[in-house]
């Protein structure tokens, strides 16, 4: 937990927008900065992979969604 907290603070201070997908649970975590870079507040984006997948460029979406799931 402490290591994860340090990693989160480091990423946030570096202004990095990151996300992490847990293949076991199917849930995705998005950093507050990632959400802000897209113009959203922290509570406006959930933990579904579709939050990211639905924002892909149409030319990339079909192939990526097929590989993701």
N, C-alpha and C. Protein backbone atom coordinates (compact mmCIF):
# COMPACT_ATOMS: atom_id res chain seq x y z
N UNK A 1 0.83 -1.19 0.00
CA UNK A 1 0.00 0.00 0.00
C UNK A 1 0.87 1.25 0.00
N UNK A 2 1.90 1.30 0.81
CA UNK A 2 2.76 2.48 0.87
C UNK A 2 3.48 2.70 -0.44
N UNK A 3 3.96 1.62 -1.05
CA UNK A 3 4.64 1.72 -2.33
C UNK A 3 3.69 2.23 -3.41
N UNK A 4 2.47 1.74 -3.42
CA UNK A 4 1.49 2.19 -4.39
C UNK A 4 1.17 3.66 -4.19
N UNK A 5 1.07 4.09 -2.95
CA UNK A 5 0.80 5.50 -2.65
C UNK A 5 1.93 6.40 -3.15
N UNK A 6 3.17 5.97 -2.93
CA UNK A 6 4.32 6.75 -3.42
C UNK A 6 4.31 6.83 -4.95
N UNK A 7 4.02 5.70 -5.60
CA UNK A 7 3.98 5.66 -7.06
C UNK A 7 2.89 6.61 -7.59
N UNK A 8 1.74 6.61 -6.94
CA UNK A 8 0.65 7.50 -7.35
C UNK A 8 1.05 8.96 -7.19
N UNK A 9 1.65 9.31 -6.07
CA UNK A 9 2.09 10.69 -5.85
C UNK A 9 3.15 11.11 -6.86
N UNK A 10 4.06 10.20 -7.18
CA UNK A 10 5.10 10.48 -8.16
C UNK A 10 4.48 10.77 -9.53
N UNK A 11 3.58 9.93 -9.95
CA UNK A 11 2.94 10.12 -11.25
C UNK A 11 2.15 11.42 -11.30
N UNK A 12 1.41 11.70 -10.25
CA UNK A 12 0.63 12.92 -10.21
C UNK A 12 1.53 14.16 -10.23
N UNK A 13 2.63 14.14 -9.52
CA UNK A 13 3.52 15.30 -9.49
C UNK A 13 4.25 15.48 -10.82
N UNK A 14 4.40 14.40 -11.58
CA UNK A 14 5.05 14.48 -12.88
C UNK A 14 4.06 14.89 -13.97
N UNK A 15 2.83 15.14 -13.59
CA UNK A 15 1.76 15.50 -14.53
C UNK A 15 1.55 14.41 -15.57
N UNK A 16 1.75 13.18 -15.17
CA UNK A 16 1.55 12.06 -16.08
C UNK A 16 0.11 11.56 -15.98
N UNK A 17 -0.50 11.38 -17.11
CA UNK A 17 -1.84 10.79 -17.14
C UNK A 17 -1.69 9.31 -17.43
N UNK A 18 -2.03 8.48 -16.47
CA UNK A 18 -1.83 7.03 -16.63
C UNK A 18 -3.10 6.27 -16.28
N UNK A 19 -3.14 5.05 -16.78
CA UNK A 19 -4.22 4.14 -16.43
C UNK A 19 -3.63 2.74 -16.30
N UNK A 20 -4.35 1.90 -15.57
CA UNK A 20 -3.89 0.53 -15.33
C UNK A 20 -5.09 -0.40 -15.42
N UNK A 21 -4.97 -1.45 -16.23
CA UNK A 21 -6.05 -2.42 -16.40
C UNK A 21 -5.70 -3.68 -15.64
N UNK A 22 -6.63 -4.16 -14.82
CA UNK A 22 -6.47 -5.41 -14.09
C UNK A 22 -7.22 -6.49 -14.86
N UNK A 23 -6.50 -7.33 -15.56
CA UNK A 23 -7.12 -8.36 -16.40
C UNK A 23 -7.92 -9.36 -15.58
N UNK A 24 -7.53 -9.57 -14.32
CA UNK A 24 -8.26 -10.52 -13.48
C UNK A 24 -9.66 -10.03 -13.14
N UNK A 25 -9.78 -8.75 -12.81
CA UNK A 25 -11.08 -8.20 -12.40
C UNK A 25 -11.81 -7.51 -13.54
N UNK A 26 -11.07 -7.13 -14.59
CA UNK A 26 -11.68 -6.39 -15.69
C UNK A 26 -11.87 -4.92 -15.41
N UNK A 27 -11.36 -4.47 -14.28
CA UNK A 27 -11.51 -3.05 -13.90
C UNK A 27 -10.26 -2.28 -14.30
N UNK A 28 -10.42 -1.00 -14.48
CA UNK A 28 -9.33 -0.13 -14.87
C UNK A 28 -9.24 1.04 -13.91
N UNK A 29 -8.04 1.42 -13.55
CA UNK A 29 -7.83 2.60 -12.71
C UNK A 29 -7.23 3.69 -13.57
N UNK A 30 -7.78 4.87 -13.45
CA UNK A 30 -7.31 6.03 -14.20
C UNK A 30 -6.83 7.08 -13.21
N UNK A 31 -5.68 7.67 -13.49
CA UNK A 31 -5.18 8.70 -12.59
C UNK A 31 -6.03 9.95 -12.70
N UNK A 32 -6.03 10.72 -11.64
CA UNK A 32 -6.74 12.00 -11.63
C UNK A 32 -6.23 12.88 -12.76
N UNK A 33 -4.93 12.85 -13.01
CA UNK A 33 -4.34 13.65 -14.08
C UNK A 33 -4.84 13.19 -15.44
N UNK A 34 -4.96 11.89 -15.67
CA UNK A 34 -5.47 11.37 -16.94
C UNK A 34 -6.86 11.92 -17.20
N UNK A 35 -7.70 11.90 -16.17
CA UNK A 35 -9.06 12.41 -16.30
C UNK A 35 -9.05 13.91 -16.58
N UNK A 36 -8.20 14.63 -15.88
CA UNK A 36 -8.12 16.08 -16.07
C UNK A 36 -7.62 16.44 -17.46
N UNK A 37 -6.70 15.66 -18.00
CA UNK A 37 -6.19 15.92 -19.35
C UNK A 37 -7.31 15.81 -20.39
N UNK A 38 -8.33 15.05 -20.06
CA UNK A 38 -9.48 14.90 -20.95
C UNK A 38 -10.61 15.87 -20.62
N UNK A 39 -10.39 16.68 -19.60
CA UNK A 39 -11.38 17.70 -19.22
C UNK A 39 -12.42 17.22 -18.24
N UNK A 40 -12.14 16.15 -17.49
CA UNK A 40 -13.10 15.60 -16.55
C UNK A 40 -12.61 15.71 -15.12
N UNK A 41 -13.55 15.81 -14.19
CA UNK A 41 -13.23 15.74 -12.77
C UNK A 41 -13.02 14.27 -12.40
N UNK A 42 -12.39 14.04 -11.28
CA UNK A 42 -12.07 12.68 -10.84
C UNK A 42 -13.31 11.79 -10.74
N UNK A 43 -14.42 12.35 -10.30
CA UNK A 43 -15.63 11.54 -10.11
C UNK A 43 -16.48 11.38 -11.37
N UNK A 44 -16.03 11.93 -12.49
CA UNK A 44 -16.81 11.86 -13.73
C UNK A 44 -16.45 10.67 -14.62
N UNK A 45 -15.41 9.96 -14.26
CA UNK A 45 -15.00 8.79 -15.05
C UNK A 45 -14.91 7.60 -14.10
N UNK A 46 -15.55 6.51 -14.50
CA UNK A 46 -15.58 5.31 -13.66
C UNK A 46 -14.35 4.43 -13.85
N UNK A 47 -14.52 3.14 -13.56
CA UNK A 47 -13.39 2.22 -13.61
C UNK A 47 -13.56 1.15 -14.69
N UNK A 48 -14.36 1.46 -15.69
CA UNK A 48 -14.58 0.53 -16.79
C UNK A 48 -13.52 0.72 -17.87
N UNK A 49 -13.06 -0.35 -18.50
CA UNK A 49 -12.14 -0.22 -19.62
C UNK A 49 -12.74 0.61 -20.77
N UNK A 50 -14.06 0.63 -20.86
CA UNK A 50 -14.72 1.39 -21.92
C UNK A 50 -14.47 2.89 -21.81
N UNK A 51 -14.14 3.37 -20.61
CA UNK A 51 -13.82 4.79 -20.46
C UNK A 51 -12.65 5.17 -21.37
N UNK A 52 -11.72 4.25 -21.55
CA UNK A 52 -10.58 4.47 -22.44
C UNK A 52 -10.90 4.00 -23.85
N UNK A 53 -11.43 2.79 -23.97
CA UNK A 53 -11.68 2.21 -25.29
C UNK A 53 -12.62 3.07 -26.14
N UNK A 54 -13.62 3.67 -25.52
CA UNK A 54 -14.57 4.49 -26.26
C UNK A 54 -13.97 5.81 -26.75
N UNK A 55 -12.77 6.12 -26.30
CA UNK A 55 -12.11 7.37 -26.72
C UNK A 55 -11.04 7.14 -27.79
N UNK A 56 -10.90 5.91 -28.24
CA UNK A 56 -9.90 5.61 -29.26
C UNK A 56 -10.30 6.21 -30.60
N UNK A 57 -9.31 6.51 -31.40
CA UNK A 57 -9.55 6.96 -32.77
C UNK A 57 -10.25 5.83 -33.51
N UNK A 58 -11.25 6.14 -34.33
CA UNK A 58 -12.00 5.10 -35.04
C UNK A 58 -11.13 4.13 -35.83
N UNK A 59 -10.02 4.58 -36.37
CA UNK A 59 -9.15 3.70 -37.13
C UNK A 59 -8.42 2.68 -36.25
N UNK A 60 -8.33 2.96 -34.96
CA UNK A 60 -7.66 2.07 -34.01
C UNK A 60 -8.62 1.25 -33.17
N UNK A 61 -9.86 1.69 -33.09
CA UNK A 61 -10.80 1.13 -32.12
C UNK A 61 -11.10 -0.35 -32.32
N UNK A 62 -11.44 -0.77 -33.52
CA UNK A 62 -11.87 -2.15 -33.72
C UNK A 62 -10.77 -3.15 -33.37
N UNK A 63 -9.58 -2.93 -33.91
CA UNK A 63 -8.47 -3.85 -33.63
C UNK A 63 -8.12 -3.86 -32.15
N UNK A 64 -8.05 -2.70 -31.54
CA UNK A 64 -7.67 -2.60 -30.15
C UNK A 64 -8.70 -3.26 -29.24
N UNK A 65 -9.96 -3.01 -29.51
CA UNK A 65 -11.02 -3.62 -28.68
C UNK A 65 -10.98 -5.14 -28.81
N UNK A 66 -10.68 -5.65 -29.99
CA UNK A 66 -10.56 -7.09 -30.17
C UNK A 66 -9.41 -7.69 -29.41
N UNK A 67 -8.31 -6.98 -29.33
CA UNK A 67 -7.13 -7.47 -28.60
C UNK A 67 -7.28 -7.30 -27.10
N UNK A 68 -8.01 -6.29 -26.70
CA UNK A 68 -8.18 -5.98 -25.28
C UNK A 68 -9.04 -7.01 -24.58
N UNK A 69 -10.11 -7.42 -25.21
CA UNK A 69 -11.09 -8.29 -24.56
C UNK A 69 -10.73 -9.70 -24.74
